[in-house]
Amino acid sequence: IRWFKRREITPQIRSALPFYLVTVPVVVALLQWAFVERAIESSRNRAILNSAPLLAAIENYRARNGKYPTSLLAEWPDFGPHVIGIREYRYEPHGEGFNLVFEQFNYRFGTREFVVYNPRDEHVMTAHALDILELTPEQLAIERTRGHNARHDLPQPHWKIFWFD
């Protein structure tokens, strides 16, 4: 007499979850490293290239009027980056020149990237509008040098990148 009933032992099916938990982050990181940086650079370069008609119109205004426009605020901006993820160009007079700015997607967590054109290479980007409204010109000049965590030159003349966190 058998005291126990013999049962069939079937091999256990192993879960694929541990494999995916290791593999997926590595593959995503490699793809990000390989493609995202190039895609961002490509969209930035396209937005810079697409700004040429706007920059020419601003310079034509200056040639006709002897100064840069005080504002480009309008219902219809007429000039756009025409790049997915870049909404608009922003114009700001600055000293004897101006800044033309657009915000660029950045994959670095918590970092915002602003790309700035200034024909006199006097680029500034302020972190808070309140700084412009409340600080003295001397205080604002200091604040504009430290509000960003990084500043990079671009190969295109008169363009720079500002990173804010």
N, C-alpha and C. Protein backbone atom coordinates (compact mmCIF):
# COMPACT_ATOMS: atom_id res chain seq x y z
N ILE A 1 0.85 -1.17 0.00
CA ILE A 1 0.00 0.00 0.00
C ILE A 1 0.90 1.23 0.00
N ARG A 2 0.45 2.12 -0.79
CA ARG A 2 1.19 3.37 -0.83
C ARG A 2 0.57 4.36 0.14
N TRP A 3 1.41 4.95 0.93
CA TRP A 3 0.95 5.93 1.91
C TRP A 3 0.72 7.31 1.29
N PHE A 4 1.27 7.59 0.20
CA PHE A 4 1.06 8.89 -0.45
C PHE A 4 0.79 8.66 -1.92
N LYS A 5 0.06 9.57 -2.45
CA LYS A 5 -0.29 9.48 -3.86
C LYS A 5 0.78 10.22 -4.66
N ARG A 6 1.29 9.57 -5.61
CA ARG A 6 2.33 10.17 -6.44
C ARG A 6 1.67 11.16 -7.41
N ARG A 7 2.22 12.34 -7.45
CA ARG A 7 1.68 13.33 -8.39
C ARG A 7 2.76 13.73 -9.38
N GLU A 8 2.29 14.18 -10.50
CA GLU A 8 3.20 14.59 -11.55
C GLU A 8 3.84 15.93 -11.18
N ILE A 9 5.11 16.02 -11.36
CA ILE A 9 5.81 17.27 -11.11
C ILE A 9 6.04 17.93 -12.46
N THR A 10 5.47 19.12 -12.60
CA THR A 10 5.64 19.86 -13.85
C THR A 10 6.62 21.00 -13.60
N PRO A 11 7.41 21.30 -14.60
CA PRO A 11 8.36 22.39 -14.40
C PRO A 11 7.62 23.72 -14.25
N GLN A 12 8.11 24.56 -13.32
CA GLN A 12 7.47 25.86 -13.10
C GLN A 12 7.83 26.81 -14.23
N ILE A 13 6.85 27.59 -14.61
CA ILE A 13 7.11 28.62 -15.63
C ILE A 13 7.66 29.83 -14.91
N ARG A 14 8.79 30.28 -15.34
CA ARG A 14 9.42 31.43 -14.70
C ARG A 14 8.80 32.73 -15.21
N SER A 15 8.72 33.69 -14.35
CA SER A 15 8.17 35.00 -14.69
C SER A 15 9.19 35.80 -15.48
N ALA A 16 8.71 36.54 -16.46
CA ALA A 16 9.58 37.38 -17.26
C ALA A 16 9.77 38.76 -16.62
N LEU A 17 9.05 39.03 -15.56
CA LEU A 17 9.10 40.34 -14.92
C LEU A 17 10.51 40.77 -14.52
N PRO A 18 11.31 39.95 -13.86
CA PRO A 18 12.66 40.40 -13.51
C PRO A 18 13.50 40.77 -14.75
N PHE A 19 13.33 40.00 -15.80
CA PHE A 19 14.05 40.32 -17.05
C PHE A 19 13.66 41.70 -17.56
N TYR A 20 12.34 41.98 -17.59
CA TYR A 20 11.85 43.27 -18.07
C TYR A 20 12.28 44.41 -17.16
N LEU A 21 12.30 44.18 -15.85
CA LEU A 21 12.68 45.23 -14.92
C LEU A 21 14.15 45.64 -15.08
N VAL A 22 14.95 44.77 -15.59
CA VAL A 22 16.35 45.09 -15.83
C VAL A 22 16.55 45.59 -17.25
N THR A 23 15.95 44.93 -18.20
CA THR A 23 16.20 45.22 -19.61
C THR A 23 15.57 46.53 -20.08
N VAL A 24 14.32 46.76 -19.73
CA VAL A 24 13.61 47.95 -20.24
C VAL A 24 14.32 49.25 -19.85
N PRO A 25 14.70 49.48 -18.59
CA PRO A 25 15.41 50.73 -18.28
C PRO A 25 16.73 50.88 -19.03
N VAL A 26 17.44 49.78 -19.21
CA VAL A 26 18.70 49.85 -19.94
C VAL A 26 18.46 50.23 -21.40
N VAL A 27 17.47 49.61 -22.04
CA VAL A 27 17.15 49.91 -23.43
C VAL A 27 16.68 51.35 -23.58
N VAL A 28 15.83 51.82 -22.67
CA VAL A 28 15.34 53.21 -22.72
C VAL A 28 16.51 54.18 -22.57
N ALA A 29 17.40 53.92 -21.63
CA ALA A 29 18.56 54.79 -21.44
C ALA A 29 19.44 54.83 -22.69
N LEU A 30 19.65 53.68 -23.31
CA LEU A 30 20.45 53.64 -24.54
C LEU A 30 19.78 54.40 -25.68
N LEU A 31 18.47 54.22 -25.82
CA LEU A 31 17.74 54.95 -26.86
C LEU A 31 17.79 56.45 -26.60
N GLN A 32 17.62 56.82 -25.34
CA GLN A 32 17.68 58.24 -24.99
C GLN A 32 19.06 58.80 -25.33
N TRP A 33 20.08 58.08 -24.94
CA TRP A 33 21.44 58.52 -25.21
C TRP A 33 21.69 58.62 -26.71
N ALA A 34 21.16 57.67 -27.47
CA ALA A 34 21.45 57.60 -28.91
C ALA A 34 20.61 58.57 -29.74
N PHE A 35 19.36 58.79 -29.36
CA PHE A 35 18.46 59.52 -30.26
C PHE A 35 17.90 60.82 -29.71
N VAL A 36 17.58 60.90 -28.44
CA VAL A 36 16.89 62.08 -27.92
C VAL A 36 17.75 63.33 -28.04
N GLU A 37 19.00 63.22 -27.69
CA GLU A 37 19.89 64.38 -27.77
C GLU A 37 19.96 64.91 -29.21
N ARG A 38 20.05 64.00 -30.17
CA ARG A 38 20.09 64.42 -31.58
C ARG A 38 18.76 65.02 -32.04
N ALA A 39 17.65 64.47 -31.56
CA ALA A 39 16.34 65.00 -31.92
C ALA A 39 16.16 66.41 -31.36
N ILE A 40 16.60 66.64 -30.13
CA ILE A 40 16.51 67.96 -29.52
C ILE A 40 17.38 68.95 -30.30
N GLU A 41 18.58 68.54 -30.62
CA GLU A 41 19.47 69.41 -31.38
C GLU A 41 18.88 69.75 -32.75
N SER A 42 18.28 68.75 -33.38
CA SER A 42 17.66 68.97 -34.69
C SER A 42 16.49 69.96 -34.60
N SER A 43 15.64 69.80 -33.60
CA SER A 43 14.50 70.72 -33.48
C SER A 43 14.98 72.13 -33.12
N ARG A 44 16.01 72.22 -32.28
CA ARG A 44 16.58 73.54 -31.93
C ARG A 44 17.13 74.22 -33.18
N ASN A 45 17.90 73.47 -33.97
CA ASN A 45 18.48 74.03 -35.20
C ASN A 45 17.40 74.47 -36.18
N ARG A 46 16.32 73.70 -36.26
CA ARG A 46 15.23 74.07 -37.17
C ARG A 46 14.53 75.35 -36.70
N ALA A 47 14.30 75.47 -35.39
CA ALA A 47 13.67 76.69 -34.85
C ALA A 47 14.57 77.91 -35.08
N ILE A 48 15.87 77.72 -34.93
CA ILE A 48 16.81 78.82 -35.20
C ILE A 48 16.77 79.20 -36.68
N LEU A 49 16.79 78.21 -37.54
CA LEU A 49 16.71 78.46 -38.99
C LEU A 49 15.40 79.16 -39.36
N ASN A 50 14.30 78.71 -38.75
CA ASN A 50 12.99 79.29 -39.05
C ASN A 50 12.81 80.71 -38.50
N SER A 51 13.72 81.14 -37.63
CA SER A 51 13.63 82.50 -37.10
C SER A 51 14.21 83.54 -38.06
N ALA A 52 14.87 83.11 -39.12
CA ALA A 52 15.52 84.04 -40.06
C ALA A 52 14.58 85.10 -40.62
N PRO A 53 13.35 84.75 -41.08
CA PRO A 53 12.47 85.81 -41.58
C PRO A 53 12.08 86.83 -40.50
N LEU A 54 11.87 86.37 -39.28
CA LEU A 54 11.54 87.29 -38.18
C LEU A 54 12.73 88.19 -37.87
N LEU A 55 13.92 87.62 -37.79
CA LEU A 55 15.11 88.43 -37.53
C LEU A 55 15.34 89.46 -38.64
N ALA A 56 15.10 89.06 -39.89
CA ALA A 56 15.24 89.99 -41.01
C ALA A 56 14.21 91.12 -40.91
N ALA A 57 12.98 90.80 -40.53
CA ALA A 57 11.94 91.82 -40.37
C ALA A 57 12.29 92.80 -39.25
N ILE A 58 12.85 92.27 -38.16
CA ILE A 58 13.26 93.14 -37.05
C ILE A 58 14.39 94.06 -37.49
N GLU A 59 15.36 93.53 -38.22
CA GLU A 59 16.46 94.36 -38.70
C GLU A 59 15.98 95.38 -39.73
N ASN A 60 15.01 95.00 -40.58
CA ASN A 60 14.44 95.97 -41.54
C ASN A 60 13.73 97.10 -40.80
N TYR A 61 13.02 96.77 -39.73
CA TYR A 61 12.36 97.79 -38.90
C TYR A 61 13.41 98.77 -38.36
N ARG A 62 14.51 98.23 -37.86
CA ARG A 62 15.57 99.07 -37.31
C ARG A 62 16.19 99.96 -38.39
N ALA A 63 16.38 99.41 -39.60
CA ALA A 63 16.94 100.20 -40.70
C ALA A 63 16.01 101.36 -41.07
N ARG A 64 14.70 101.12 -41.03
CA ARG A 64 13.73 102.16 -41.39
C ARG A 64 13.52 103.19 -40.27
N ASN A 65 13.59 102.74 -38.99
CA ASN A 65 13.21 103.59 -37.87
C ASN A 65 14.38 103.99 -36.96
N GLY A 66 15.55 103.43 -37.18
CA GLY A 66 16.71 103.81 -36.38
C GLY A 66 16.77 103.14 -35.01
N LYS A 67 15.83 102.29 -34.70
CA LYS A 67 15.82 101.58 -33.42
C LYS A 67 15.03 100.29 -33.59
N TYR A 68 15.21 99.40 -32.63
CA TYR A 68 14.45 98.15 -32.65
C TYR A 68 13.04 98.40 -32.13
N PRO A 69 12.06 97.56 -32.53
CA PRO A 69 10.69 97.73 -32.03
C PRO A 69 10.62 97.58 -30.51
N THR A 70 9.70 98.31 -29.89
CA THR A 70 9.54 98.21 -28.44
C THR A 70 8.78 96.96 -28.03
N SER A 71 8.00 96.40 -28.96
CA SER A 71 7.22 95.20 -28.66
C SER A 71 6.80 94.51 -29.95
N LEU A 72 6.55 93.22 -29.86
CA LEU A 72 5.94 92.47 -30.96
C LEU A 72 4.67 91.78 -30.49
N LEU A 73 4.12 92.26 -29.39
CA LEU A 73 2.90 91.68 -28.84
C LEU A 73 1.74 91.96 -29.78
N ALA A 74 1.07 90.92 -30.24
CA ALA A 74 -0.04 91.05 -31.17
C ALA A 74 -0.91 89.80 -31.10
N GLU A 75 -2.14 89.93 -31.58
CA GLU A 75 -3.02 88.76 -31.60
C GLU A 75 -2.43 87.67 -32.49
N TRP A 76 -1.93 88.05 -33.65
CA TRP A 76 -1.34 87.10 -34.58
C TRP A 76 0.16 87.38 -34.68
N PRO A 77 0.98 86.48 -34.20
CA PRO A 77 2.42 86.75 -34.19
C PRO A 77 3.07 86.75 -35.57
N ASP A 78 2.46 86.13 -36.57
CA ASP A 78 2.92 86.10 -37.97
C ASP A 78 4.20 85.30 -38.21
N PHE A 79 5.02 85.14 -37.21
CA PHE A 79 6.24 84.36 -37.35
C PHE A 79 6.24 83.29 -36.25
N GLY A 80 6.46 82.07 -36.65
CA GLY A 80 6.48 81.00 -35.66
C GLY A 80 7.61 80.04 -35.92
N PRO A 81 7.98 79.27 -34.90
CA PRO A 81 9.06 78.30 -35.07
C PRO A 81 8.72 77.15 -36.01
N HIS A 82 7.43 76.79 -36.08
CA HIS A 82 6.97 75.68 -36.92
C HIS A 82 7.73 74.39 -36.61
N VAL A 83 7.92 74.17 -35.31
CA VAL A 83 8.60 72.98 -34.81
C VAL A 83 7.73 72.41 -33.70
N ILE A 84 7.42 71.13 -33.76
CA ILE A 84 6.61 70.50 -32.72
C ILE A 84 7.32 70.64 -31.39
N GLY A 85 6.59 71.12 -30.39
CA GLY A 85 7.14 71.27 -29.05
C GLY A 85 7.68 72.66 -28.75
N ILE A 86 7.83 73.50 -29.77
CA ILE A 86 8.28 74.88 -29.55
C ILE A 86 7.12 75.78 -29.96
N ARG A 87 6.54 76.42 -28.96
CA ARG A 87 5.29 77.14 -29.17
C ARG A 87 5.46 78.47 -29.89
N GLU A 88 6.44 79.26 -29.47
CA GLU A 88 6.52 80.62 -30.00
C GLU A 88 7.91 81.21 -29.81
N TYR A 89 8.12 82.31 -30.52
CA TYR A 89 9.27 83.16 -30.26
C TYR A 89 8.80 84.30 -29.36
N ARG A 90 9.63 84.68 -28.43
CA ARG A 90 9.34 85.84 -27.58
C ARG A 90 10.39 86.89 -27.85
N TYR A 91 9.94 88.12 -27.97
CA TYR A 91 10.82 89.24 -28.28
C TYR A 91 10.88 90.17 -27.09
N GLU A 92 12.09 90.65 -26.78
CA GLU A 92 12.27 91.62 -25.70
C GLU A 92 13.36 92.60 -26.09
N PRO A 93 13.06 93.91 -26.11
CA PRO A 93 14.15 94.88 -26.31
C PRO A 93 15.12 94.78 -25.14
N HIS A 94 16.40 94.94 -25.43
CA HIS A 94 17.40 94.89 -24.36
C HIS A 94 18.54 95.83 -24.73
N GLY A 95 18.64 96.92 -23.99
CA GLY A 95 19.69 97.91 -24.27
C GLY A 95 19.56 98.42 -25.69
N GLU A 96 20.67 98.40 -26.42
CA GLU A 96 20.67 98.83 -27.82
C GLU A 96 20.30 97.68 -28.76
N GLY A 97 20.05 96.52 -28.21
CA GLY A 97 19.71 95.35 -29.01
C GLY A 97 18.38 94.76 -28.57
N PHE A 98 18.27 93.44 -28.68
CA PHE A 98 17.06 92.73 -28.28
C PHE A 98 17.40 91.27 -28.04
N ASN A 99 16.50 90.60 -27.38
CA ASN A 99 16.58 89.15 -27.21
C ASN A 99 15.40 88.52 -27.91
N LEU A 100 15.65 87.50 -28.68
CA LEU A 100 14.60 86.67 -29.25
C LEU A 100 14.76 85.31 -28.59
N VAL A 101 13.69 84.82 -27.97
CA VAL A 101 13.78 83.65 -27.10
C VAL A 101 12.74 82.62 -27.50
N PHE A 102 13.11 81.35 -27.41
CA PHE A 102 12.12 80.28 -27.46
C PHE A 102 12.51 79.22 -26.44
N GLU A 103 11.50 78.53 -25.92
CA GLU A 103 11.76 77.46 -24.97
C GLU A 103 11.84 76.15 -25.72
N GLN A 104 12.89 75.41 -25.44
CA GLN A 104 13.18 74.14 -26.10
C GLN A 104 12.96 72.99 -25.13
N PHE A 105 12.40 71.90 -25.61
CA PHE A 105 12.26 70.71 -24.77
C PHE A 105 13.63 70.28 -24.27
N ASN A 106 13.68 69.82 -23.02
CA ASN A 106 14.92 69.30 -22.45
C ASN A 106 14.58 68.05 -21.67
N TYR A 107 15.28 66.97 -21.91
CA TYR A 107 14.97 65.70 -21.24
C TYR A 107 15.56 65.60 -19.84
N ARG A 108 16.40 66.55 -19.45
CA ARG A 108 16.97 66.52 -18.10
C ARG A 108 15.88 66.87 -17.10
N PHE A 109 15.64 66.00 -16.15
CA PHE A 109 14.54 66.16 -15.21
C PHE A 109 14.67 67.48 -14.45
N GLY A 110 13.60 68.26 -14.48
CA GLY A 110 13.56 69.51 -13.74
C GLY A 110 14.28 70.67 -14.39
N THR A 111 14.75 70.51 -15.61
CA THR A 111 15.50 71.57 -16.29
C THR A 111 14.68 72.15 -17.43
N ARG A 112 14.62 73.47 -17.48
CA ARG A 112 13.98 74.16 -18.60
C ARG A 112 15.07 74.83 -19.42
N GLU A 113 14.96 74.72 -20.74
CA GLU A 113 15.98 75.25 -21.64
C GLU A 113 15.38 76.40 -22.46
N PHE A 114 16.07 77.54 -22.43
CA PHE A 114 15.68 78.68 -23.25
C PHE A 114 16.81 78.99 -24.20
N VAL A 115 16.46 79.15 -25.47
CA VAL A 115 17.44 79.47 -26.51
C VAL A 115 17.26 80.94 -26.84
N VAL A 116 18.36 81.71 -26.77
CA VAL A 116 18.28 83.17 -26.85
C VAL A 116 19.19 83.69 -27.95
N TYR A 117 18.62 84.59 -28.77
CA TYR A 117 19.39 85.29 -29.80
C TYR A 117 19.54 86.73 -29.35
N ASN A 118 20.75 87.28 -29.49
CA ASN A 118 20.98 88.70 -29.25
C ASN A 118 22.02 89.16 -30.25
N PRO A 119 21.69 90.14 -31.11
CA PRO A 119 22.61 90.54 -32.17
C PRO A 119 23.90 91.17 -31.66
N ARG A 120 23.90 91.64 -30.41
CA ARG A 120 25.10 92.27 -29.83
C ARG A 120 25.81 91.33 -28.84
N ASP A 121 25.34 90.09 -28.78
CA ASP A 121 25.89 89.10 -27.84
C ASP A 121 25.81 89.58 -26.39
N GLU A 122 24.72 90.25 -26.07
CA GLU A 122 24.44 90.70 -24.70
C GLU A 122 23.24 89.91 -24.18
N HIS A 123 23.32 88.61 -24.28
CA HIS A 123 22.21 87.71 -23.93
C HIS A 123 21.88 87.79 -22.45
N VAL A 124 20.59 87.89 -22.17
CA VAL A 124 20.11 87.80 -20.79
C VAL A 124 18.82 87.00 -20.78
N MET A 125 18.62 86.31 -19.68
CA MET A 125 17.36 85.60 -19.45
C MET A 125 17.12 85.66 -17.96
N THR A 126 15.96 86.17 -17.59
CA THR A 126 15.65 86.37 -16.18
C THR A 126 14.73 85.26 -15.70
N ALA A 127 14.96 84.79 -14.48
CA ALA A 127 14.17 83.69 -13.94
C ALA A 127 12.74 84.12 -13.59
N HIS A 128 12.56 85.33 -13.08
CA HIS A 128 11.25 85.77 -12.61
C HIS A 128 10.91 87.15 -13.17
N ALA A 129 9.69 87.31 -13.65
CA ALA A 129 9.22 88.62 -14.11
C ALA A 129 9.25 89.63 -12.97
N LEU A 130 8.99 89.17 -11.75
CA LEU A 130 9.00 90.05 -10.59
C LEU A 130 10.38 90.69 -10.38
N ASP A 131 11.45 89.98 -10.75
CA ASP A 131 12.79 90.57 -10.66
C ASP A 131 12.88 91.82 -11.54
N ILE A 132 12.34 91.73 -12.74
CA ILE A 132 12.36 92.87 -13.67
C ILE A 132 11.57 94.04 -13.09
N LEU A 133 10.46 93.74 -12.44
CA LEU A 133 9.59 94.79 -11.92
C LEU A 133 10.07 95.42 -10.62
N GLU A 134 10.77 94.68 -9.79
CA GLU A 134 11.08 95.18 -8.46
C GLU A 134 12.55 95.48 -8.18
N LEU A 135 13.47 94.89 -8.93
CA LEU A 135 14.88 95.11 -8.64
C LEU A 135 15.39 96.39 -9.30
N THR A 136 16.40 96.99 -8.69
CA THR A 136 17.05 98.14 -9.32
C THR A 136 17.83 97.62 -10.53
N PRO A 137 18.19 98.51 -11.45
CA PRO A 137 18.98 98.04 -12.61
C PRO A 137 20.27 97.32 -12.21
N GLU A 138 20.92 97.78 -11.14
CA GLU A 138 22.15 97.14 -10.69
C GLU A 138 21.85 95.74 -10.13
N GLN A 139 20.80 95.63 -9.33
CA GLN A 139 20.43 94.33 -8.77
C GLN A 139 20.00 93.37 -9.88
N LEU A 140 19.25 93.88 -10.85
CA LEU A 140 18.79 93.04 -11.96
C LEU A 140 19.97 92.54 -12.79
N ALA A 141 20.96 93.39 -13.01
CA ALA A 141 22.15 92.96 -13.77
C ALA A 141 22.84 91.80 -13.06
N ILE A 142 22.91 91.86 -11.74
CA ILE A 142 23.52 90.76 -10.98
C ILE A 142 22.64 89.52 -11.05
N GLU A 143 21.32 89.70 -10.88
CA GLU A 143 20.39 88.56 -10.89
C GLU A 143 20.41 87.84 -12.23
N ARG A 144 20.56 88.57 -13.30
CA ARG A 144 20.56 87.96 -14.63
C ARG A 144 21.81 87.13 -14.89
N THR A 145 22.85 87.30 -14.09
CA THR A 145 24.05 86.49 -14.25
C THR A 145 23.99 85.21 -13.43
N ARG A 146 23.02 85.09 -12.51
CA ARG A 146 23.02 83.92 -11.64
C ARG A 146 21.69 83.18 -11.59
N GLY A 147 20.70 83.57 -12.34
CA GLY A 147 19.39 82.92 -12.29
C GLY A 147 19.36 81.56 -12.97
N HIS A 148 20.31 81.30 -13.83
CA HIS A 148 20.35 80.03 -14.56
C HIS A 148 21.48 79.17 -14.00
N ASN A 149 21.35 77.86 -14.21
CA ASN A 149 22.39 76.97 -13.70
C ASN A 149 23.44 76.62 -14.76
N ALA A 150 23.18 76.94 -16.02
CA ALA A 150 24.17 76.71 -17.08
C ALA A 150 23.86 77.62 -18.26
N ARG A 151 24.90 77.95 -18.99
CA ARG A 151 24.78 78.78 -20.18
C ARG A 151 25.75 78.22 -21.21
N HIS A 152 25.26 77.98 -22.43
CA HIS A 152 26.10 77.35 -23.46
C HIS A 152 26.03 78.15 -24.76
N ASP A 153 27.15 78.29 -25.41
CA ASP A 153 27.19 78.88 -26.74
C ASP A 153 26.72 77.86 -27.75
N LEU A 154 26.12 78.35 -28.82
CA LEU A 154 25.71 77.49 -29.93
C LEU A 154 26.60 77.79 -31.13
N PRO A 155 26.67 76.87 -32.09
CA PRO A 155 27.51 77.14 -33.27
C PRO A 155 26.97 78.28 -34.13
N GLN A 156 25.67 78.53 -34.07
CA GLN A 156 25.10 79.64 -34.83
C GLN A 156 25.48 80.96 -34.15
N PRO A 157 25.91 81.95 -34.92
CA PRO A 157 26.32 83.22 -34.33
C PRO A 157 25.17 83.88 -33.57
N HIS A 158 25.50 84.45 -32.42
CA HIS A 158 24.59 85.24 -31.59
C HIS A 158 23.52 84.42 -30.86
N TRP A 159 23.62 83.11 -30.83
CA TRP A 159 22.65 82.25 -30.14
C TRP A 159 23.32 81.60 -28.93
N LYS A 160 22.57 81.53 -27.82
CA LYS A 160 23.05 80.86 -26.60
C LYS A 160 21.90 80.07 -25.98
N ILE A 161 22.25 79.09 -25.14
CA ILE A 161 21.28 78.30 -24.39
C ILE A 161 21.41 78.63 -22.92
N PHE A 162 20.27 78.80 -22.25
CA PHE A 162 20.23 78.98 -20.80
C PHE A 162 19.43 77.83 -20.21
N TRP A 163 19.99 77.19 -19.18
CA TRP A 163 19.28 76.13 -18.46
C TRP A 163 18.88 76.64 -17.09
N PHE A 164 17.61 76.50 -16.77
CA PHE A 164 17.07 76.85 -15.46
C PHE A 164 16.53 75.60 -14.80
N ASP A 165 16.64 75.51 -13.46
CA ASP A 165 16.01 74.39 -12.76
C ASP A 165 14.89 74.88 -11.89
